[in-house]
Amino acid sequence: MKLSKQILIFAILLIVASIILFLLGWEVWEIISSIGGIIIAILIFYSIEHLRKKATTKKKG
């Protein structure tokens, strides 16, 4: 739970950073941040699903 919380906080900080960079007009950094954000979002979703599957298999076993 702690690890997923840290990832969530990091994702929020990344989103906030990309918004700030976008407002400052640093388009290149905004694009990089958004791509990184998408990758991180996919990784978070995948890790949560993986942990759910592990939890359900442990309960069944």
C-alpha atoms as a PDB file:
ATOM      1  CA  MET A   1       0.000   0.000   0.000  1.00  0.00           C
ATOM      2  CA  LYS A   2       2.852   2.397   0.855  1.00  0.00           C
ATOM      3  CA  LEU A   3       4.578   1.781  -2.488  1.00  0.00           C
ATOM      4  CA  SER A   4       1.430   2.459  -4.530  1.00  0.00           C
ATOM      5  CA  LYS A   5       0.861   5.640  -2.479  1.00  0.00           C
ATOM      6  CA  GLN A   6       4.375   6.858  -3.326  1.00  0.00           C
ATOM      7  CA  ILE A   7       3.791   6.092  -7.028  1.00  0.00           C
ATOM      8  CA  LEU A   8       0.470   7.986  -6.901  1.00  0.00           C
ATOM      9  CA  ILE A   9       2.144  11.017  -5.265  1.00  0.00           C
ATOM     10  CA  PHE A  10       4.912  10.903  -7.893  1.00  0.00           C
ATOM     11  CA  ALA A  11       2.333  10.743 -10.695  1.00  0.00           C
ATOM     12  CA  ILE A  12       0.464  13.752  -9.249  1.00  0.00           C
ATOM     13  CA  LEU A  13       3.733  15.700  -8.956  1.00  0.00           C
ATOM     14  CA  LEU A  14       4.574  14.815 -12.568  1.00  0.00           C
ATOM     15  CA  ILE A  15       1.147  16.025 -13.744  1.00  0.00           C
ATOM     16  CA  VAL A  16       1.534  19.265 -11.767  1.00  0.00           C
ATOM     17  CA  ALA A  17       5.064  19.748 -13.153  1.00  0.00           C
ATOM     18  CA  SER A  18       3.883  19.177 -16.741  1.00  0.00           C
ATOM     19  CA  ILE A  19       1.040  21.730 -16.251  1.00  0.00           C
ATOM     20  CA  ILE A  20       3.511  24.294 -14.862  1.00  0.00           C
ATOM     21  CA  LEU A  21       5.955  23.663 -17.726  1.00  0.00           C
ATOM     22  CA  PHE A  22       3.077  23.970 -20.221  1.00  0.00           C
ATOM     23  CA  LEU A  23       2.005  27.298 -18.688  1.00  0.00           C
ATOM     24  CA  LEU A  24       5.613  28.524 -18.861  1.00  0.00           C
ATOM     25  CA  GLY A  25       5.602  27.636 -22.562  1.00  0.00           C
ATOM     26  CA  TRP A  26       8.239  24.903 -22.431  1.00  0.00           C
ATOM     27  CA  GLU A  27       6.506  22.813 -25.070  1.00  0.00           C
ATOM     28  CA  VAL A  28       9.299  20.253 -25.422  1.00  0.00           C
ATOM     29  CA  TRP A  29       9.323  19.549 -21.677  1.00  0.00           C
ATOM     30  CA  GLU A  30       5.509  19.396 -21.666  1.00  0.00           C
ATOM     31  CA  ILE A  31       5.554  16.762 -24.405  1.00  0.00           C
ATOM     32  CA  ILE A  32       8.251  14.741 -22.609  1.00  0.00           C
ATOM     33  CA  SER A  33       6.361  15.025 -19.308  1.00  0.00           C
ATOM     34  CA  SER A  34       3.056  13.947 -20.892  1.00  0.00           C
ATOM     35  CA  ILE A  35       4.700  10.930 -22.549  1.00  0.00           C
ATOM     36  CA  GLY A  36       6.358  10.054 -19.219  1.00  0.00           C
ATOM     37  CA  GLY A  37       3.024  10.549 -17.456  1.00  0.00           C
ATOM     38  CA  ILE A  38       1.264   8.184 -19.860  1.00  0.00           C
ATOM     39  CA  ILE A  39       3.985   5.536 -19.388  1.00  0.00           C
ATOM     40  CA  ILE A  40       3.814   5.923 -15.585  1.00  0.00           C
ATOM     41  CA  ALA A  41      -0.007   5.727 -15.670  1.00  0.00           C
ATOM     42  CA  ILE A  42       0.210   2.470 -17.667  1.00  0.00           C
ATOM     43  CA  LEU A  43       2.818   1.093 -15.233  1.00  0.00           C
ATOM     44  CA  ILE A  44       0.672   2.057 -12.225  1.00  0.00           C
ATOM     45  CA  PHE A  45      -2.420   0.433 -13.766  1.00  0.00           C
ATOM     46  CA  TYR A  46      -0.437  -2.716 -14.669  1.00  0.00           C
ATOM     47  CA  SER A  47       1.122  -2.973 -11.186  1.00  0.00           C
ATOM     48  CA  ILE A  48      -2.266  -2.498  -9.466  1.00  0.00           C
ATOM     49  CA  GLU A  49      -3.857  -5.190 -11.655  1.00  0.00           C
ATOM     50  CA  HIS A  50      -0.855  -7.476 -11.007  1.00  0.00           C
ATOM     51  CA  LEU A  51      -1.161  -6.946  -7.237  1.00  0.00           C
ATOM     52  CA  ARG A  52      -4.923  -7.601  -7.406  1.00  0.00           C
ATOM     53  CA  LYS A  53      -4.331 -10.866  -9.263  1.00  0.00           C
ATOM     54  CA  LYS A  54      -1.695 -11.867  -6.686  1.00  0.00           C
ATOM     55  CA  ALA A  55      -4.093 -11.022  -3.832  1.00  0.00           C
ATOM     56  CA  THR A  56      -6.976 -13.013  -5.371  1.00  0.00           C
ATOM     57  CA  THR A  57      -4.750 -16.044  -6.062  1.00  0.00           C
ATOM     58  CA  LYS A  58      -3.447 -15.923  -2.466  1.00  0.00           C
ATOM     59  CA  LYS A  59      -7.008 -15.835  -1.103  1.00  0.00           C
ATOM     60  CA  LYS A  60      -8.065 -18.791  -3.269  1.00  0.00           C
ATOM     61  CA  GLY A  61      -4.929 -20.788  -2.410  1.00  0.00           C
END
